[in-house]
């Protein structure tokens, strides 16, 4: 099982727009990241995202490029408990892409990799992609992490 974790792209500030949509740069980086995922032959059965606009807009870029269905999912907000998603991916056979927020993504990765969500084991970047793999015996490993600035333009 592969789990792809994507922090949403850069968003406008609350002062610019209280809904905090992606900035122009955020849209560009999300599109770049999705295109690079396609070049890497990333295949997922589903894309999940939080109810925040910036996460939904980032997920839309992946949906359009990877041709996988996306859905808004409760429990993916910045400070939500990671235990529900952690339990689900522990038994899931198909691959999943989650577009979310900090510190949720960092805590989820730490919980899977170290069994301690307080361990900062992955340095996420906005619109970057982190791939975790679940191997034999249910143990997780970090397969790769790609920041958007090393990905070629879409």
Protein backbone atom coordinates (compact mmCIF):
# COMPACT_ATOMS: atom_id res chain seq x y z
CA UNK A 1 0.00 0.00 0.00
CA UNK A 2 1.26 3.44 -0.89
CA UNK A 3 0.11 6.53 0.96
CA UNK A 4 0.82 9.87 -0.70
CA UNK A 5 0.68 12.91 1.56
CA UNK A 6 0.44 16.37 0.01
CA UNK A 7 0.40 19.63 1.91
CA UNK A 8 -1.90 22.09 0.14
CA UNK A 9 -0.29 24.75 -2.03
CA UNK A 10 0.41 28.30 -0.84
CA UNK A 11 -2.81 30.20 -0.09
CA UNK A 12 -3.87 33.80 0.22
CA UNK A 13 -3.76 35.28 3.71
CA UNK A 14 -6.93 35.72 5.77
CA UNK A 15 -6.63 39.46 5.19
CA UNK A 16 -6.61 39.00 1.41
CA UNK A 17 -9.49 36.50 1.44
CA UNK A 18 -11.01 34.89 4.56
CA UNK A 19 -11.74 31.69 2.59
CA UNK A 20 -7.97 31.33 1.96
CA UNK A 21 -8.02 29.99 -1.60
CA UNK A 22 -4.79 29.06 -3.32
CA UNK A 23 -2.71 31.98 -4.48
CA UNK A 24 -1.62 32.17 -8.10
CA UNK A 25 1.69 30.61 -7.00
CA UNK A 26 -0.24 27.95 -5.07
CA UNK A 27 -2.21 26.95 -8.15
CA UNK A 28 0.98 26.82 -10.23
CA UNK A 29 2.77 24.64 -7.67
CA UNK A 30 -0.22 22.32 -7.19
CA UNK A 31 -0.45 21.85 -10.96
CA UNK A 32 3.32 21.23 -11.15
CA UNK A 33 3.16 18.69 -8.34
CA UNK A 34 0.21 16.83 -9.87
CA UNK A 35 1.92 16.70 -13.28
CA UNK A 36 5.08 15.33 -11.69
CA UNK A 37 3.06 12.67 -9.85
CA UNK A 38 1.65 11.58 -13.21
CA UNK A 39 5.17 11.41 -14.71
CA UNK A 40 6.12 9.13 -11.79
CA UNK A 41 3.12 6.92 -12.65
CA UNK A 42 1.46 7.54 -9.30
CA UNK A 43 -1.79 5.60 -9.22
CA UNK A 44 -4.30 5.99 -6.42
CA UNK A 45 -7.83 4.74 -6.03
CA UNK A 46 -8.94 7.86 -4.20
CA UNK A 47 -7.91 11.41 -3.32
CA UNK A 48 -9.09 12.82 -0.02
CA UNK A 49 -8.94 16.39 1.23
CA UNK A 50 -10.14 18.49 4.12
CA UNK A 51 -13.07 20.91 3.88
CA UNK A 52 -10.74 23.90 3.56
CA UNK A 53 -10.77 25.56 0.14
CA UNK A 54 -6.99 25.51 -0.33
CA UNK A 55 -6.90 21.73 0.20
CA UNK A 56 -9.87 21.16 -2.15
CA UNK A 57 -8.24 23.28 -4.87
CA UNK A 58 -4.95 21.39 -4.52
CA UNK A 59 -6.83 18.07 -4.65
CA UNK A 60 -8.64 19.23 -7.82
CA UNK A 61 -5.31 19.50 -9.62
CA UNK A 62 -4.43 15.92 -8.64
CA UNK A 63 -7.91 14.68 -9.58
CA UNK A 64 -7.66 16.22 -13.06
CA UNK A 65 -4.17 14.85 -13.66
CA UNK A 66 -4.29 11.42 -11.99
CA UNK A 67 -7.89 10.72 -13.00
CA UNK A 68 -8.79 9.47 -9.52
CA UNK A 69 -11.96 10.47 -7.69
CA UNK A 70 -11.63 12.95 -4.87
CA UNK A 71 -13.78 13.54 -1.85
CA UNK A 72 -13.91 15.88 1.07
CA UNK A 73 -13.26 14.00 4.29
CA UNK A 74 -13.85 14.94 7.91
CA UNK A 75 -10.92 14.57 10.27
CA UNK A 76 -8.19 16.09 8.06
CA UNK A 77 -8.11 19.61 9.50
CA UNK A 78 -4.81 20.98 10.83
CA UNK A 79 -5.33 19.95 14.47
CA UNK A 80 -7.52 16.87 14.05
CA UNK A 81 -6.67 13.55 15.66
CA UNK A 82 -4.69 11.30 13.28
CA UNK A 83 -5.76 8.01 14.88
CA UNK A 84 -8.81 7.37 12.66
CA UNK A 85 -6.91 7.73 9.38
CA UNK A 86 -3.96 5.87 10.85
CA UNK A 87 -6.17 2.87 11.65
CA UNK A 88 -7.77 2.96 8.21
CA UNK A 89 -4.52 2.98 6.22
CA UNK A 90 -3.13 0.20 8.40
CA UNK A 91 -5.67 -2.21 6.89
CA UNK A 92 -6.24 -0.67 3.48
CA UNK A 93 -4.94 -2.53 0.42
CA UNK A 94 -5.27 0.16 -2.26
CA UNK A 95 -3.25 3.36 -2.56
CA UNK A 96 -4.51 6.69 -1.30
CA UNK A 97 -3.53 10.34 -1.73
CA UNK A 98 -4.37 12.75 1.09
CA UNK A 99 -4.21 16.52 0.66
CA UNK A 100 -4.08 18.21 4.02
CA UNK A 101 -2.46 20.63 6.39
CA UNK A 102 0.25 21.04 8.93
CA UNK A 103 0.58 19.85 11.62
CA UNK A 104 -1.86 17.01 10.77
CA UNK A 105 0.28 15.53 7.97
CA UNK A 106 3.46 15.68 10.02
CA UNK A 107 1.77 13.97 12.96
CA UNK A 108 0.27 11.28 10.71
CA UNK A 109 3.62 10.50 9.10
CA UNK A 110 5.30 10.33 12.51
CA UNK A 111 2.59 8.07 13.90
CA UNK A 112 2.96 5.65 10.98
CA UNK A 113 6.77 5.71 10.77
CA UNK A 114 7.70 5.95 14.47
CA UNK A 115 4.51 5.13 16.39
CA UNK A 116 4.96 8.55 18.00
CA UNK A 117 3.14 11.45 16.37
CA UNK A 118 5.26 14.00 18.22
CA UNK A 119 8.42 12.97 16.32
CA UNK A 120 9.11 15.40 13.44
CA UNK A 121 10.34 12.84 10.91
CA UNK A 122 9.24 14.41 7.61
CA UNK A 123 9.75 18.04 6.58
CA UNK A 124 6.69 18.86 4.49
CA UNK A 125 6.62 21.68 1.97
CA UNK A 126 3.55 23.27 0.46
CA UNK A 127 2.53 21.39 -2.69
CA UNK A 128 5.23 18.78 -2.07
CA UNK A 129 4.54 15.04 -2.16
CA UNK A 130 5.60 12.46 0.41
CA UNK A 131 5.25 8.74 -0.33
CA UNK A 132 4.97 6.25 2.52
CA UNK A 133 4.86 2.51 1.86
CA UNK A 134 3.38 -0.15 4.11
CA UNK A 135 5.36 -3.35 3.85
CA UNK A 136 5.23 -6.82 5.29
CA UNK A 137 4.04 -6.95 8.86
CA UNK A 138 2.35 -3.57 8.55
CA UNK A 139 5.53 -1.53 8.99
CA UNK A 140 5.75 1.80 7.23
CA UNK A 141 8.74 3.34 5.49
CA UNK A 142 9.43 6.64 3.78
CA UNK A 143 9.92 5.84 0.10
CA UNK A 144 10.48 9.41 -1.12
CA UNK A 145 9.69 13.06 -0.50
CA UNK A 146 9.65 15.64 -3.29
CA UNK A 147 9.51 19.37 -2.69
CA UNK A 148 7.89 21.30 -5.55
CA UNK A 149 10.98 23.38 -6.31
CA UNK A 150 12.86 20.36 -7.72
CA UNK A 151 9.96 19.28 -9.94
CA UNK A 152 10.04 20.46 -13.55
CA UNK A 153 7.33 22.85 -14.70
CA UNK A 154 4.14 21.17 -15.90
